[in-house]
PDB file of all heavy atoms in Angstrom:
ATOM      1  N   VAL A   1      79.025  18.283  62.881  1.00  0.00           N
ATOM      2  CA  VAL A   1      77.742  18.201  63.588  1.00  0.00           C
ATOM      3  C   VAL A   1      77.558  16.831  64.239  1.00  0.00           C
ATOM      4  O   VAL A   1      77.082  16.736  65.373  1.00  0.00           O
ATOM      5  CB  VAL A   1      76.572  18.529  62.627  1.00  0.00           C
ATOM      6  CG1 VAL A   1      75.225  18.226  63.266  1.00  0.00           C
ATOM      7  CG2 VAL A   1      76.642  19.996  62.206  1.00  0.00           C
ATOM      8  N   SER A   2      77.970  15.780  63.556  1.00  0.00           N
ATOM      9  CA  SER A   2      77.780  14.435  64.094  1.00  0.00           C
ATOM     10  C   SER A   2      78.601  14.181  65.358  1.00  0.00           C
ATOM     11  O   SER A   2      78.299  13.268  66.118  1.00  0.00           O
ATOM     12  CB  SER A   2      78.098  13.377  63.038  1.00  0.00           C
ATOM     13  OG  SER A   2      79.487  13.271  62.824  1.00  0.00           O
ATOM     14  N   HIS A   3      79.626  14.995  65.591  1.00  0.00           N
ATOM     15  CA  HIS A   3      80.486  14.802  66.756  1.00  0.00           C
ATOM     16  C   HIS A   3      80.316  15.876  67.829  1.00  0.00           C
ATOM     17  O   HIS A   3      81.051  15.873  68.818  1.00  0.00           O
ATOM     18  CB  HIS A   3      81.954  14.720  66.318  1.00  0.00           C
ATOM     19  CG  HIS A   3      82.242  13.528  65.463  1.00  0.00           C
ATOM     20  ND1 HIS A   3      82.177  12.238  65.933  1.00  0.00           N
ATOM     21  CD2 HIS A   3      82.547  13.430  64.158  1.00  0.00           C
ATOM     22  CE1 HIS A   3      82.452  11.393  64.957  1.00  0.00           C
ATOM     23  NE2 HIS A   3      82.680  12.093  63.861  1.00  0.00           N
ATOM     24  N   LEU A   4      79.375  16.777  67.644  1.00  0.00           N
ATOM     25  CA  LEU A   4      79.104  17.796  68.669  1.00  0.00           C
ATOM     26  C   LEU A   4      78.318  17.160  69.816  1.00  0.00           C
ATOM     27  O   LEU A   4      77.356  16.428  69.584  1.00  0.00           O
ATOM     28  CB  LEU A   4      78.290  18.953  68.083  1.00  0.00           C
ATOM     29  CG  LEU A   4      79.010  19.916  67.159  1.00  0.00           C
ATOM     30  CD1 LEU A   4      78.026  20.935  66.592  1.00  0.00           C
ATOM     31  CD2 LEU A   4      80.147  20.627  67.873  1.00  0.00           C
ATOM     32  N   ASN A   5      78.712  17.458  71.031  1.00  0.00           N
ATOM     33  CA  ASN A   5      77.972  16.972  72.198  1.00  0.00           C
ATOM     34  C   ASN A   5      76.684  17.763  72.373  1.00  0.00           C
ATOM     35  O   ASN A   5      75.682  17.245  72.833  1.00  0.00           O
ATOM     36  CB  ASN A   5      78.816  17.071  73.462  1.00  0.00           C
ATOM     37  CG  ASN A   5      79.985  16.107  73.440  1.00  0.00           C
ATOM     38  OD1 ASN A   5      79.935  15.077  72.781  1.00  0.00           O
ATOM     39  ND2 ASN A   5      81.036  16.454  74.148  1.00  0.00           N
ATOM     40  N   GLN A   6      76.761  19.035  72.051  1.00  0.00           N
ATOM     41  CA  GLN A   6      75.599  19.909  72.162  1.00  0.00           C
ATOM     42  C   GLN A   6      75.781  21.080  71.205  1.00  0.00           C
ATOM     43  O   GLN A   6      76.863  21.342  70.734  1.00  0.00           O
ATOM     44  CB  GLN A   6      75.439  20.420  73.590  1.00  0.00           C
ATOM     45  CG  GLN A   6      76.649  21.198  74.090  1.00  0.00           C
ATOM     46  CD  GLN A   6      76.569  21.507  75.574  1.00  0.00           C
ATOM     47  OE1 GLN A   6      75.823  20.869  76.294  1.00  0.00           O
ATOM     48  NE2 GLN A   6      77.339  22.468  76.020  1.00  0.00           N
ATOM     49  N   GLY A   7      74.691  21.768  70.935  1.00  0.00           N
ATOM     50  CA  GLY A   7      74.750  22.933  70.061  1.00  0.00           C
ATOM     51  C   GLY A   7      74.718  22.554  68.587  1.00  0.00           C
ATOM     52  O   GLY A   7      74.538  21.393  68.217  1.00  0.00           O
ATOM     53  N   THR A   8      74.905  23.570  67.772  1.00  0.00           N
ATOM     54  CA  THR A   8      74.861  23.404  66.322  1.00  0.00           C
ATOM     55  C   THR A   8      76.128  23.973  65.703  1.00  0.00           C
ATOM     56  O   THR A   8      76.944  24.592  66.394  1.00  0.00           O
ATOM     57  CB  THR A   8      73.650  24.143  65.725  1.00  0.00           C
ATOM     58  OG1 THR A   8      73.840  25.558  65.928  1.00  0.00           O
ATOM     59  CG2 THR A   8      72.339  23.701  66.372  1.00  0.00           C
ATOM     60  N   LEU A   9      76.252  23.796  64.417  1.00  0.00           N
ATOM     61  CA  LEU A   9      77.388  24.344  63.687  1.00  0.00           C
ATOM     62  C   LEU A   9      77.476  25.863  63.865  1.00  0.00           C
ATOM     63  O   LEU A   9      78.561  26.421  63.991  1.00  0.00           O
ATOM     64  CB  LEU A   9      77.253  23.980  62.202  1.00  0.00           C
ATOM     65  CG  LEU A   9      78.461  24.188  61.313  1.00  0.00           C
ATOM     66  CD1 LEU A   9      79.626  23.308  61.753  1.00  0.00           C
ATOM     67  CD2 LEU A   9      78.111  23.885  59.871  1.00  0.00           C
ATOM     68  N   GLU A  10      76.315  26.505  63.915  1.00  0.00           N
ATOM     69  CA  GLU A  10      76.269  27.970  64.047  1.00  0.00           C
ATOM     70  C   GLU A  10      76.755  28.443  65.415  1.00  0.00           C
ATOM     71  O   GLU A  10      77.095  29.612  65.583  1.00  0.00           O
ATOM     72  CB  GLU A  10      74.855  28.491  63.784  1.00  0.00           C
ATOM     73  CG  GLU A  10      74.404  28.369  62.338  1.00  0.00           C
ATOM     74  CD  GLU A  10      74.082  26.928  61.919  1.00  0.00           C
ATOM     75  OE1 GLU A  10      73.629  26.120  62.760  1.00  0.00           O
ATOM     76  OE2 GLU A  10      74.310  26.614  60.735  1.00  0.00           O
ATOM     77  N   ASP A  11      76.791  27.557  66.401  1.00  0.00           N
ATOM     78  CA  ASP A  11      77.259  27.920  67.740  1.00  0.00           C
ATOM     79  C   ASP A  11      78.780  27.959  67.839  1.00  0.00           C
ATOM     80  O   ASP A  11      79.324  28.478  68.805  1.00  0.00           O
ATOM     81  CB  ASP A  11      76.713  26.929  68.787  1.00  0.00           C
ATOM     82  CG  ASP A  11      75.201  26.971  68.886  1.00  0.00           C
ATOM     83  OD1 ASP A  11      74.622  28.057  68.697  1.00  0.00           O
ATOM     84  OD2 ASP A  11      74.599  25.908  69.140  1.00  0.00           O
ATOM     85  N   ILE A  12      79.455  27.410  66.857  1.00  0.00           N
ATOM     86  CA  ILE A  12      80.921  27.379  66.857  1.00  0.00           C
ATOM     87  C   ILE A  12      81.433  28.689  66.256  1.00  0.00           C
ATOM     88  O   ILE A  12      80.936  29.149  65.232  1.00  0.00           O
ATOM     89  CB  ILE A  12      81.439  26.187  66.025  1.00  0.00           C
ATOM     90  CG1 ILE A  12      80.890  24.871  66.587  1.00  0.00           C
ATOM     91  CG2 ILE A  12      82.968  26.165  66.015  1.00  0.00           C
ATOM     92  CD1 ILE A  12      81.186  23.674  65.700  1.00  0.00           C
ATOM     93  N   GLY A  13      82.426  29.277  66.884  1.00  0.00           N
ATOM     94  CA  GLY A  13      83.028  30.507  66.366  1.00  0.00           C
ATOM     95  C   GLY A  13      83.599  30.294  64.972  1.00  0.00           C
ATOM     96  O   GLY A  13      84.035  29.185  64.630  1.00  0.00           O
ATOM     97  N   SER A  14      83.615  31.339  64.173  1.00  0.00           N
ATOM     98  CA  SER A  14      84.073  31.221  62.781  1.00  0.00           C
ATOM     99  C   SER A  14      85.529  30.781  62.663  1.00  0.00           C
ATOM    100  O   SER A  14      85.875  30.018  61.758  1.00  0.00           O
ATOM    101  CB  SER A  14      83.867  32.539  62.043  1.00  0.00           C
ATOM    102  OG  SER A  14      82.496  32.761  61.843  1.00  0.00           O
ATOM    103  N   VAL A  15      86.393  31.249  63.560  1.00  0.00           N
ATOM    104  CA  VAL A  15      87.795  30.840  63.490  1.00  0.00           C
ATOM    105  C   VAL A  15      87.919  29.355  63.829  1.00  0.00           C
ATOM    106  O   VAL A  15      88.572  28.591  63.105  1.00  0.00           O
ATOM    107  CB  VAL A  15      88.681  31.684  64.440  1.00  0.00           C
ATOM    108  CG1 VAL A  15      90.098  31.150  64.485  1.00  0.00           C
ATOM    109  CG2 VAL A  15      88.680  33.142  64.007  1.00  0.00           C
ATOM    110  N   GLU A  16      87.265  28.942  64.913  1.00  0.00           N
ATOM    111  CA  GLU A  16      87.297  27.535  65.310  1.00  0.00           C
ATOM    112  C   GLU A  16      86.716  26.648  64.209  1.00  0.00           C
ATOM    113  O   GLU A  16      87.241  25.588  63.895  1.00  0.00           O
ATOM    114  CB  GLU A  16      86.529  27.323  66.618  1.00  0.00           C
ATOM    115  CG  GLU A  16      87.197  27.925  67.837  1.00  0.00           C
ATOM    116  CD  GLU A  16      86.858  29.396  68.075  1.00  0.00           C
ATOM    117  OE1 GLU A  16      86.281  30.062  67.178  1.00  0.00           O
ATOM    118  OE2 GLU A  16      87.185  29.889  69.173  1.00  0.00           O
ATOM    119  N   LYS A  17      85.621  27.109  63.622  1.00  0.00           N
ATOM    120  CA  LYS A  17      84.978  26.350  62.545  1.00  0.00           C
ATOM    121  C   LYS A  17      85.927  26.210  61.353  1.00  0.00           C
ATOM    122  O   LYS A  17      86.027  25.133  60.759  1.00  0.00           O
ATOM    123  CB  LYS A  17      83.695  27.073  62.119  1.00  0.00           C
ATOM    124  CG  LYS A  17      82.686  26.208  61.431  1.00  0.00           C
ATOM    125  CD  LYS A  17      81.421  26.944  61.019  1.00  0.00           C
ATOM    126  CE  LYS A  17      80.946  27.975  62.002  1.00  0.00           C
ATOM    127  NZ  LYS A  17      79.787  28.731  61.529  1.00  0.00           N
ATOM    128  N   SER A  18      86.634  27.258  61.028  1.00  0.00           N
ATOM    129  CA  SER A  18      87.582  27.219  59.907  1.00  0.00           C
ATOM    130  C   SER A  18      88.719  26.248  60.190  1.00  0.00           C
ATOM    131  O   SER A  18      89.135  25.488  59.305  1.00  0.00           O
ATOM    132  CB  SER A  18      88.128  28.622  59.631  1.00  0.00           C
ATOM    133  OG  SER A  18      87.081  29.486  59.253  1.00  0.00           O
ATOM    134  N   ILE A  19      89.220  26.248  61.428  1.00  0.00           N
ATOM    135  CA  ILE A  19      90.287  25.321  61.819  1.00  0.00           C
ATOM    136  C   ILE A  19      89.782  23.886  61.730  1.00  0.00           C
ATOM    137  O   ILE A  19      90.460  23.015  61.181  1.00  0.00           O
ATOM    138  CB  ILE A  19      90.800  25.655  63.239  1.00  0.00           C
ATOM    139  CG1 ILE A  19      91.522  27.013  63.229  1.00  0.00           C
ATOM    140  CG2 ILE A  19      91.716  24.547  63.769  1.00  0.00           C
ATOM    141  CD1 ILE A  19      91.812  27.590  64.607  1.00  0.00           C
ATOM    142  N   LEU A  20      88.597  23.637  62.258  1.00  0.00           N
ATOM    143  CA  LEU A  20      88.015  22.293  62.213  1.00  0.00           C
ATOM    144  C   LEU A  20      87.788  21.826  60.786  1.00  0.00           C
ATOM    145  O   LEU A  20      88.099  20.681  60.432  1.00  0.00           O
ATOM    146  CB  LEU A  20      86.691  22.254  62.982  1.00  0.00           C
ATOM    147  CG  LEU A  20      86.793  22.286  64.496  1.00  0.00           C
ATOM    148  CD1 LEU A  20      85.413  22.495  65.111  1.00  0.00           C
ATOM    149  CD2 LEU A  20      87.432  21.015  65.027  1.00  0.00           C
ATOM    150  N   ARG A  21      87.247  22.698  59.962  1.00  0.00           N
ATOM    151  CA  ARG A  21      86.972  22.322  58.573  1.00  0.00           C
ATOM    152  C   ARG A  21      88.240  21.917  57.845  1.00  0.00           C
ATOM    153  O   ARG A  21      88.279  20.909  57.136  1.00  0.00           O
ATOM    154  CB  ARG A  21      86.270  23.470  57.845  1.00  0.00           C
ATOM    155  CG  ARG A  21      84.816  23.624  58.237  1.00  0.00           C
ATOM    156  CD  ARG A  21      84.206  24.867  57.649  1.00  0.00           C
ATOM    157  NE  ARG A  21      82.756  24.884  57.830  1.00  0.00           N
ATOM    158  CZ  ARG A  21      82.008  25.981  57.693  1.00  0.00           C
ATOM    159  NH1 ARG A  21      82.571  27.145  57.374  1.00  0.00           N
ATOM    160  NH2 ARG A  21      80.704  25.909  57.869  1.00  0.00           N
ATOM    161  N   LEU A  22      89.287  22.715  58.014  1.00  0.00           N
ATOM    162  CA  LEU A  22      90.556  22.406  57.360  1.00  0.00           C
ATOM    163  C   LEU A  22      91.107  21.074  57.866  1.00  0.00           C
ATOM    164  O   LEU A  22      91.494  20.210  57.074  1.00  0.00           O
ATOM    165  CB  LEU A  22      91.568  23.525  57.597  1.00  0.00           C
ATOM    166  CG  LEU A  22      92.986  23.253  57.098  1.00  0.00           C
ATOM    167  CD1 LEU A  22      92.999  22.987  55.603  1.00  0.00           C
ATOM    168  CD2 LEU A  22      93.889  24.410  57.456  1.00  0.00           C
ATOM    169  N   ALA A  23      91.125  20.893  59.170  1.00  0.00           N
ATOM    170  CA  ALA A  23      91.685  19.667  59.741  1.00  0.00           C
ATOM    171  C   ALA A  23      90.877  18.442  59.325  1.00  0.00           C
ATOM    172  O   ALA A  23      91.454  17.398  58.986  1.00  0.00           O
ATOM    173  CB  ALA A  23      91.743  19.779  61.266  1.00  0.00           C
ATOM    174  N   ILE A  24      89.563  18.559  59.321  1.00  0.00           N
ATOM    175  CA  ILE A  24      88.730  17.420  58.923  1.00  0.00           C
ATOM    176  C   ILE A  24      88.934  17.101  57.447  1.00  0.00           C
ATOM    177  O   ILE A  24      88.984  15.932  57.061  1.00  0.00           O
ATOM    178  CB  ILE A  24      87.248  17.662  59.278  1.00  0.00           C
ATOM    179  CG1 ILE A  24      87.101  17.632  60.810  1.00  0.00           C
ATOM    180  CG2 ILE A  24      86.340  16.626  58.629  1.00  0.00           C
ATOM    181  CD1 ILE A  24      85.751  18.075  61.327  1.00  0.00           C
ATOM    182  N   PHE A  25      89.096  18.122  56.617  1.00  0.00           N
ATOM    183  CA  PHE A  25      89.416  17.855  55.211  1.00  0.00           C
ATOM    184  C   PHE A  25      90.707  17.039  55.128  1.00  0.00           C
ATOM    185  O   PHE A  25      90.777  16.033  54.417  1.00  0.00           O
ATOM    186  CB  PHE A  25      89.558  19.152  54.403  1.00  0.00           C
ATOM    187  CG  PHE A  25      90.144  18.897  53.041  1.00  0.00           C
ATOM    188  CD1 PHE A  25      89.376  18.316  52.042  1.00  0.00           C
ATOM    189  CD2 PHE A  25      91.474  19.180  52.771  1.00  0.00           C
ATOM    190  CE1 PHE A  25      89.926  18.023  50.793  1.00  0.00           C
ATOM    191  CE2 PHE A  25      92.032  18.903  51.533  1.00  0.00           C
ATOM    192  CZ  PHE A  25      91.249  18.322  50.539  1.00  0.00           C
ATOM    193  N   GLU A  26      91.724  17.461  55.869  1.00  0.00           N
ATOM    194  CA  GLU A  26      93.005  16.747  55.821  1.00  0.00           C
ATOM    195  C   GLU A  26      92.877  15.324  56.360  1.00  0.00           C
ATOM    196  O   GLU A  26      93.474  14.391  55.811  1.00  0.00           O
ATOM    197  CB  GLU A  26      94.076  17.517  56.593  1.00  0.00           C
ATOM    198  CG  GLU A  26      94.491  18.797  55.894  1.00  0.00           C
ATOM    199  CD  GLU A  26      95.705  19.426  56.521  1.00  0.00           C
ATOM    200  OE1 GLU A  26      96.830  19.068  56.100  1.00  0.00           O
ATOM    201  OE2 GLU A  26      95.546  20.251  57.437  1.00  0.00           O
ATOM    202  N   ILE A  27      92.096  15.142  57.415  1.00  0.00           N
ATOM    203  CA  ILE A  27      91.910  13.807  57.995  1.00  0.00           C
ATOM    204  C   ILE A  27      91.188  12.883  57.009  1.00  0.00           C
ATOM    205  O   ILE A  27      91.592  11.737  56.820  1.00  0.00           O
ATOM    206  CB  ILE A  27      91.141  13.896  59.328  1.00  0.00           C
ATOM    207  CG1 ILE A  27      92.040  14.510  60.408  1.00  0.00           C
ATOM    208  CG2 ILE A  27      90.630  12.522  59.771  1.00  0.00           C
ATOM    209  CD1 ILE A  27      91.311  14.924  61.683  1.00  0.00           C
ATOM    210  N   LEU A  28      90.140  13.388  56.387  1.00  0.00           N
ATOM    211  CA  LEU A  28      89.315  12.550  55.521  1.00  0.00           C
ATOM    212  C   LEU A  28      89.878  12.347  54.118  1.00  0.00           C
ATOM    213  O   LEU A  28      89.687  11.289  53.522  1.00  0.00           O
ATOM    214  CB  LEU A  28      87.901  13.129  55.404  1.00  0.00           C
ATOM    215  CG  LEU A  28      87.061  13.201  56.676  1.00  0.00           C
ATOM    216  CD1 LEU A  28      85.705  13.822  56.370  1.00  0.00           C
ATOM    217  CD2 LEU A  28      86.906  11.827  57.312  1.00  0.00           C
ATOM    218  N   PHE A  29      90.537  13.361  53.579  1.00  0.00           N
ATOM    219  CA  PHE A  29      90.874  13.335  52.156  1.00  0.00           C
ATOM    220  C   PHE A  29      92.364  13.391  51.818  1.00  0.00           C
ATOM    221  O   PHE A  29      92.724  13.210  50.659  1.00  0.00           O
ATOM    222  CB  PHE A  29      90.175  14.500  51.439  1.00  0.00           C
ATOM    223  CG  PHE A  29      88.674  14.449  51.546  1.00  0.00           C
ATOM    224  CD1 PHE A  29      88.005  15.250  52.462  1.00  0.00           C
ATOM    225  CD2 PHE A  29      87.932  13.593  50.744  1.00  0.00           C
ATOM    226  CE1 PHE A  29      86.616  15.218  52.570  1.00  0.00           C
ATOM    227  CE2 PHE A  29      86.551  13.550  50.845  1.00  0.00           C
ATOM    228  CZ  PHE A  29      85.890  14.354  51.759  1.00  0.00           C
ATOM    229  N   GLU A  30      93.200  13.663  52.786  1.00  0.00           N
ATOM    230  CA  GLU A  30      94.634  13.763  52.518  1.00  0.00           C
ATOM    231  C   GLU A  30      95.370  12.605  53.182  1.00  0.00           C
ATOM    232  O   GLU A  30      94.941  12.097  54.214  1.00  0.00           O
ATOM    233  CB  GLU A  30      95.189  15.097  53.036  1.00  0.00           C
ATOM    234  CG  GLU A  30      94.673  16.308  52.281  1.00  0.00           C
ATOM    235  CD  GLU A  30      95.113  16.331  50.833  1.00  0.00           C
ATOM    236  OE1 GLU A  30      96.317  16.301  50.569  1.00  0.00           O
ATOM    237  OE2 GLU A  30      94.233  16.397  49.956  1.00  0.00           O
ATOM    238  N   ASP A  31      96.471  12.219  52.610  1.00  0.00           N
ATOM    239  CA  ASP A  31      97.259  11.110  53.142  1.00  0.00           C
ATOM    240  C   ASP A  31      98.366  11.660  54.050  1.00  0.00           C
ATOM    241  O   ASP A  31      99.538  11.596  53.726  1.00  0.00           O
ATOM    242  CB  ASP A  31      97.849  10.296  51.989  1.00  0.00           C
ATOM    243  CG  ASP A  31      98.505   9.017  52.469  1.00  0.00           C
ATOM    244  OD1 ASP A  31      98.107   8.519  53.540  1.00  0.00           O
ATOM    245  OD2 ASP A  31      99.414   8.531  51.775  1.00  0.00           O
ATOM    246  N   LEU A  32      97.932  12.225  55.166  1.00  0.00           N
ATOM    247  CA  LEU A  32      98.858  12.773  56.150  1.00  0.00           C
ATOM    248  C   LEU A  32      98.625  12.069  57.483  1.00  0.00           C
ATOM    249  O   LEU A  32      97.508  11.637  57.762  1.00  0.00           O
ATOM    250  CB  LEU A  32      98.605  14.281  56.331  1.00  0.00           C
ATOM    251  CG  LEU A  32      98.831  15.159  55.110  1.00  0.00           C
ATOM    252  CD1 LEU A  32      98.250  16.535  55.331  1.00  0.00           C
ATOM    253  CD2 LEU A  32     100.324  15.266  54.837  1.00  0.00           C
ATOM    254  N   PRO A  33      99.662  11.962  58.314  1.00  0.00           N
ATOM    255  CA  PRO A  33      99.450  11.347  59.628  1.00  0.00           C
ATOM    256  C   PRO A  33      98.411  12.140  60.431  1.00  0.00           C
ATOM    257  O   PRO A  33      98.513  13.363  60.554  1.00  0.00           O
ATOM    258  CB  PRO A  33     100.834  11.426  60.282  1.00  0.00           C
ATOM    259  CG  PRO A  33     101.796  11.598  59.150  1.00  0.00           C
ATOM    260  CD  PRO A  33     101.051  12.346  58.086  1.00  0.00           C
ATOM    261  N   LYS A  34      97.435  11.425  60.961  1.00  0.00           N
ATOM    262  CA  LYS A  34      96.328  12.072  61.697  1.00  0.00           C
ATOM    263  C   LYS A  34      96.849  12.883  62.886  1.00  0.00           C
ATOM    264  O   LYS A  34      96.370  13.967  63.157  1.00  0.00           O
ATOM    265  CB  LYS A  34      95.312  11.031  62.182  1.00  0.00           C
ATOM    266  CG  LYS A  34      94.854  10.036  61.135  1.00  0.00           C
ATOM    267  CD  LYS A  34      93.958  10.635  60.096  1.00  0.00           C
ATOM    268  CE  LYS A  34      93.384   9.581  59.170  1.00  0.00           C
ATOM    269  NZ  LYS A  34      93.866   9.598  57.833  1.00  0.00           N
ATOM    270  N   ALA A  35      97.855  12.340  63.577  1.00  0.00           N
ATOM    271  CA  ALA A  35      98.407  13.043  64.743  1.00  0.00           C
ATOM    272  C   ALA A  35      99.016  14.390  64.347  1.00  0.00           C
ATOM    273  O   ALA A  35      98.888  15.373  65.084  1.00  0.00           O
ATOM    274  CB  ALA A  35      99.441  12.175  65.448  1.00  0.00           C
ATOM    275  N   VAL A  36      99.647  14.439  63.191  1.00  0.00           N
ATOM    276  CA  VAL A  36     100.239  15.690  62.703  1.00  0.00           C
ATOM    277  C   VAL A  36      99.141  16.712  62.404  1.00  0.00           C
ATOM    278  O   VAL A  36      99.236  17.875  62.786  1.00  0.00           O
ATOM    279  CB  VAL A  36     101.106  15.438  61.446  1.00  0.00           C
ATOM    280  CG1 VAL A  36     101.537  16.744  60.799  1.00  0.00           C
ATOM    281  CG2 VAL A  36     102.316  14.594  61.797  1.00  0.00           C
TER     282      VAL A  36
END
């Protein structure tokens, strides 16, 4: 939500939201290269 230019979390499709959630978890909490 903090990085959305417009709209809300509910405006994002469920598949896209699932992809984003997984990737953000990996970025914030896992020790993996961000580019990967």
